[in-house]
């Protein structure tokens, strides 16, 4: 089973973290057969943290985990912090396909979303 792990920064505001949980549920509802599981995790400040989110996916039967950074720019979190956290589980599960996808800001569709929001 293929899993998608949506990774956001995390916030001290519970409402902000709940938004990410709700977004993950909306993604799951649209994923169809592409992903048997959609989960969310956070880089810091909230649970589950990235390694725990990957572990939840594996414990739920995932055979691969696509880690999707919900970040707009290629800052330190995208370049260093997320890969460091994902590497923990890649080392623990060397035969598991755990990979990081492009981050949200690289999506061409984001331009359409921005134009739609502004209209």
C-alpha atoms as a PDB file:
ATOM      1  CA  UNK A   1       0.000   0.000   0.000  1.00  0.00           C
ATOM      2  CA  UNK A   2       1.271   3.447  -0.927  1.00  0.00           C
ATOM      3  CA  UNK A   3       1.046   6.142   1.765  1.00  0.00           C
ATOM      4  CA  UNK A   4       1.213   9.928   1.501  1.00  0.00           C
ATOM      5  CA  UNK A   5       2.577  11.770   4.517  1.00  0.00           C
ATOM      6  CA  UNK A   6       1.744  15.471   4.406  1.00  0.00           C
ATOM      7  CA  UNK A   7       4.403  17.336   6.397  1.00  0.00           C
ATOM      8  CA  UNK A   8       3.792  20.842   7.726  1.00  0.00           C
ATOM      9  CA  UNK A   9       5.840  22.979  10.082  1.00  0.00           C
ATOM     10  CA  UNK A  10       3.687  22.638  13.190  1.00  0.00           C
ATOM     11  CA  UNK A  11       2.369  25.406  15.396  1.00  0.00           C
ATOM     12  CA  UNK A  12       1.788  26.250  19.016  1.00  0.00           C
ATOM     13  CA  UNK A  13      -1.794  27.027  17.940  1.00  0.00           C
ATOM     14  CA  UNK A  14      -3.850  23.837  18.070  1.00  0.00           C
ATOM     15  CA  UNK A  15      -6.249  25.291  15.482  1.00  0.00           C
ATOM     16  CA  UNK A  16      -3.430  25.593  12.944  1.00  0.00           C
ATOM     17  CA  UNK A  17      -2.377  21.989  13.472  1.00  0.00           C
ATOM     18  CA  UNK A  18      -6.000  20.881  13.150  1.00  0.00           C
ATOM     19  CA  UNK A  19      -6.152  22.626   9.759  1.00  0.00           C
ATOM     20  CA  UNK A  20      -3.367  20.332   8.568  1.00  0.00           C
ATOM     21  CA  UNK A  21      -5.176  17.265   9.917  1.00  0.00           C
ATOM     22  CA  UNK A  22      -8.329  18.375   8.073  1.00  0.00           C
ATOM     23  CA  UNK A  23      -6.342  18.989   4.882  1.00  0.00           C
ATOM     24  CA  UNK A  24      -4.900  15.476   5.089  1.00  0.00           C
ATOM     25  CA  UNK A  25      -8.450  14.105   5.372  1.00  0.00           C
ATOM     26  CA  UNK A  26      -9.498  16.120   2.305  1.00  0.00           C
ATOM     27  CA  UNK A  27      -6.497  14.780   0.373  1.00  0.00           C
ATOM     28  CA  UNK A  28      -7.403  11.235   1.456  1.00  0.00           C
ATOM     29  CA  UNK A  29     -10.959  11.710   0.214  1.00  0.00           C
ATOM     30  CA  UNK A  30      -9.651  12.639  -3.250  1.00  0.00           C
ATOM     31  CA  UNK A  31      -6.719  10.240  -3.421  1.00  0.00           C
ATOM     32  CA  UNK A  32      -8.805   7.350  -4.702  1.00  0.00           C
ATOM     33  CA  UNK A  33      -6.682   4.312  -5.471  1.00  0.00           C
ATOM     34  CA  UNK A  34      -3.460   6.352  -5.707  1.00  0.00           C
ATOM     35  CA  UNK A  35      -2.844   6.228  -1.955  1.00  0.00           C
ATOM     36  CA  UNK A  36      -4.244   3.689   0.453  1.00  0.00           C
ATOM     37  CA  UNK A  37      -3.357   5.953   3.367  1.00  0.00           C
ATOM     38  CA  UNK A  38      -2.951   9.699   3.837  1.00  0.00           C
ATOM     39  CA  UNK A  39      -1.453  10.854   7.123  1.00  0.00           C
ATOM     40  CA  UNK A  40      -0.037  14.134   8.384  1.00  0.00           C
ATOM     41  CA  UNK A  41       3.002  14.983  10.503  1.00  0.00           C
ATOM     42  CA  UNK A  42       4.891  18.012  11.696  1.00  0.00           C
ATOM     43  CA  UNK A  43       8.496  19.134  11.655  1.00  0.00           C
ATOM     44  CA  UNK A  44       8.232  20.579  15.163  1.00  0.00           C
ATOM     45  CA  UNK A  45       5.922  22.016  17.817  1.00  0.00           C
ATOM     46  CA  UNK A  46       3.138  19.442  17.340  1.00  0.00           C
ATOM     47  CA  UNK A  47       2.518  15.716  17.156  1.00  0.00           C
ATOM     48  CA  UNK A  48       2.999  13.503  15.354  1.00  0.00           C
ATOM     49  CA  UNK A  49       6.529  14.464  14.386  1.00  0.00           C
ATOM     50  CA  UNK A  50       7.887  13.288  11.026  1.00  0.00           C
ATOM     51  CA  UNK A  51       9.525  10.033  12.233  1.00  0.00           C
ATOM     52  CA  UNK A  52       6.362   9.165  14.164  1.00  0.00           C
ATOM     53  CA  UNK A  53       4.205   9.907  11.116  1.00  0.00           C
ATOM     54  CA  UNK A  54       6.338   7.599   8.979  1.00  0.00           C
ATOM     55  CA  UNK A  55       6.105   4.948  11.685  1.00  0.00           C
ATOM     56  CA  UNK A  56       2.293   5.298  11.736  1.00  0.00           C
ATOM     57  CA  UNK A  57       2.223   4.724   7.968  1.00  0.00           C
ATOM     58  CA  UNK A  58       4.408   1.631   8.213  1.00  0.00           C
ATOM     59  CA  UNK A  59       2.409   0.250  11.142  1.00  0.00           C
ATOM     60  CA  UNK A  60      -0.754   0.722   9.053  1.00  0.00           C
ATOM     61  CA  UNK A  61       0.678  -1.490   6.305  1.00  0.00           C
ATOM     62  CA  UNK A  62       2.344   0.995   3.972  1.00  0.00           C
ATOM     63  CA  UNK A  63       4.885  -0.498   1.597  1.00  0.00           C
ATOM     64  CA  UNK A  64       6.018   2.955   0.476  1.00  0.00           C
ATOM     65  CA  UNK A  65       5.746   6.404   2.030  1.00  0.00           C
ATOM     66  CA  UNK A  66       5.757   9.578  -0.051  1.00  0.00           C
ATOM     67  CA  UNK A  67       6.672  12.491   2.236  1.00  0.00           C
ATOM     68  CA  UNK A  68       5.137  15.676   0.816  1.00  0.00           C
ATOM     69  CA  UNK A  69       6.500  18.925   2.304  1.00  0.00           C
ATOM     70  CA  UNK A  70       3.657  21.423   2.692  1.00  0.00           C
ATOM     71  CA  UNK A  71       6.042  24.359   2.339  1.00  0.00           C
ATOM     72  CA  UNK A  72       6.092  27.202  -0.178  1.00  0.00           C
ATOM     73  CA  UNK A  73       9.820  27.893  -0.421  1.00  0.00           C
ATOM     74  CA  UNK A  74      13.072  25.947  -0.436  1.00  0.00           C
ATOM     75  CA  UNK A  75      14.275  27.168   2.946  1.00  0.00           C
ATOM     76  CA  UNK A  76      16.242  25.379   5.625  1.00  0.00           C
ATOM     77  CA  UNK A  77      13.309  23.207   6.639  1.00  0.00           C
ATOM     78  CA  UNK A  78      12.912  21.829   3.098  1.00  0.00           C
ATOM     79  CA  UNK A  79      16.632  21.574   2.355  1.00  0.00           C
ATOM     80  CA  UNK A  80      17.967  20.279   5.670  1.00  0.00           C
ATOM     81  CA  UNK A  81      15.480  19.656   8.461  1.00  0.00           C
ATOM     82  CA  UNK A  82      12.905  17.459   6.730  1.00  0.00           C
ATOM     83  CA  UNK A  83      15.543  15.288   4.983  1.00  0.00           C
ATOM     84  CA  UNK A  84      17.333  14.801   8.318  1.00  0.00           C
ATOM     85  CA  UNK A  85      14.119  13.588   9.969  1.00  0.00           C
ATOM     86  CA  UNK A  86      13.178  11.323   7.054  1.00  0.00           C
ATOM     87  CA  UNK A  87      16.700   9.862   7.040  1.00  0.00           C
ATOM     88  CA  UNK A  88      16.106   8.510  10.540  1.00  0.00           C
ATOM     89  CA  UNK A  89      13.410   6.183   9.231  1.00  0.00           C
ATOM     90  CA  UNK A  90      15.199   5.450   5.954  1.00  0.00           C
ATOM     91  CA  UNK A  91      18.115   4.126   8.005  1.00  0.00           C
ATOM     92  CA  UNK A  92      15.791   2.133  10.254  1.00  0.00           C
ATOM     93  CA  UNK A  93      13.889   0.660   7.276  1.00  0.00           C
ATOM     94  CA  UNK A  94      16.452   0.367   4.446  1.00  0.00           C
ATOM     95  CA  UNK A  95      14.205  -1.923   2.385  1.00  0.00           C
ATOM     96  CA  UNK A  96      11.199   0.416   2.621  1.00  0.00           C
ATOM     97  CA  UNK A  97      10.555   2.981  -0.107  1.00  0.00           C
ATOM     98  CA  UNK A  98      10.489   6.225   1.894  1.00  0.00           C
ATOM     99  CA  UNK A  99      11.071   9.297  -0.236  1.00  0.00           C
ATOM    100  CA  UNK A 100      10.556  13.034  -0.141  1.00  0.00           C
ATOM    101  CA  UNK A 101       8.609  14.570  -3.016  1.00  0.00           C
ATOM    102  CA  UNK A 102       8.889  18.116  -4.318  1.00  0.00           C
ATOM    103  CA  UNK A 103       7.555  20.733  -1.922  1.00  0.00           C
ATOM    104  CA  UNK A 104       4.290  22.609  -2.495  1.00  0.00           C
ATOM    105  CA  UNK A 105       5.946  25.741  -3.894  1.00  0.00           C
ATOM    106  CA  UNK A 106       7.253  23.824  -6.925  1.00  0.00           C
ATOM    107  CA  UNK A 107       3.744  23.022  -8.169  1.00  0.00           C
ATOM    108  CA  UNK A 108       2.673  24.712 -11.416  1.00  0.00           C
ATOM    109  CA  UNK A 109      -0.919  24.317 -10.260  1.00  0.00           C
ATOM    110  CA  UNK A 110      -0.161  26.679  -7.380  1.00  0.00           C
ATOM    111  CA  UNK A 111      -0.121  29.561  -9.857  1.00  0.00           C
ATOM    112  CA  UNK A 112      -3.686  28.714 -10.886  1.00  0.00           C
ATOM    113  CA  UNK A 113      -4.744  28.507  -7.247  1.00  0.00           C
ATOM    114  CA  UNK A 114      -3.291  31.940  -6.506  1.00  0.00           C
ATOM    115  CA  UNK A 115      -5.035  33.471  -9.514  1.00  0.00           C
ATOM    116  CA  UNK A 116      -8.314  31.841  -8.519  1.00  0.00           C
ATOM    117  CA  UNK A 117      -8.031  33.149  -4.962  1.00  0.00           C
ATOM    118  CA  UNK A 118      -7.369  36.671  -6.248  1.00  0.00           C
ATOM    119  CA  UNK A 119     -10.285  36.756  -8.677  1.00  0.00           C
END
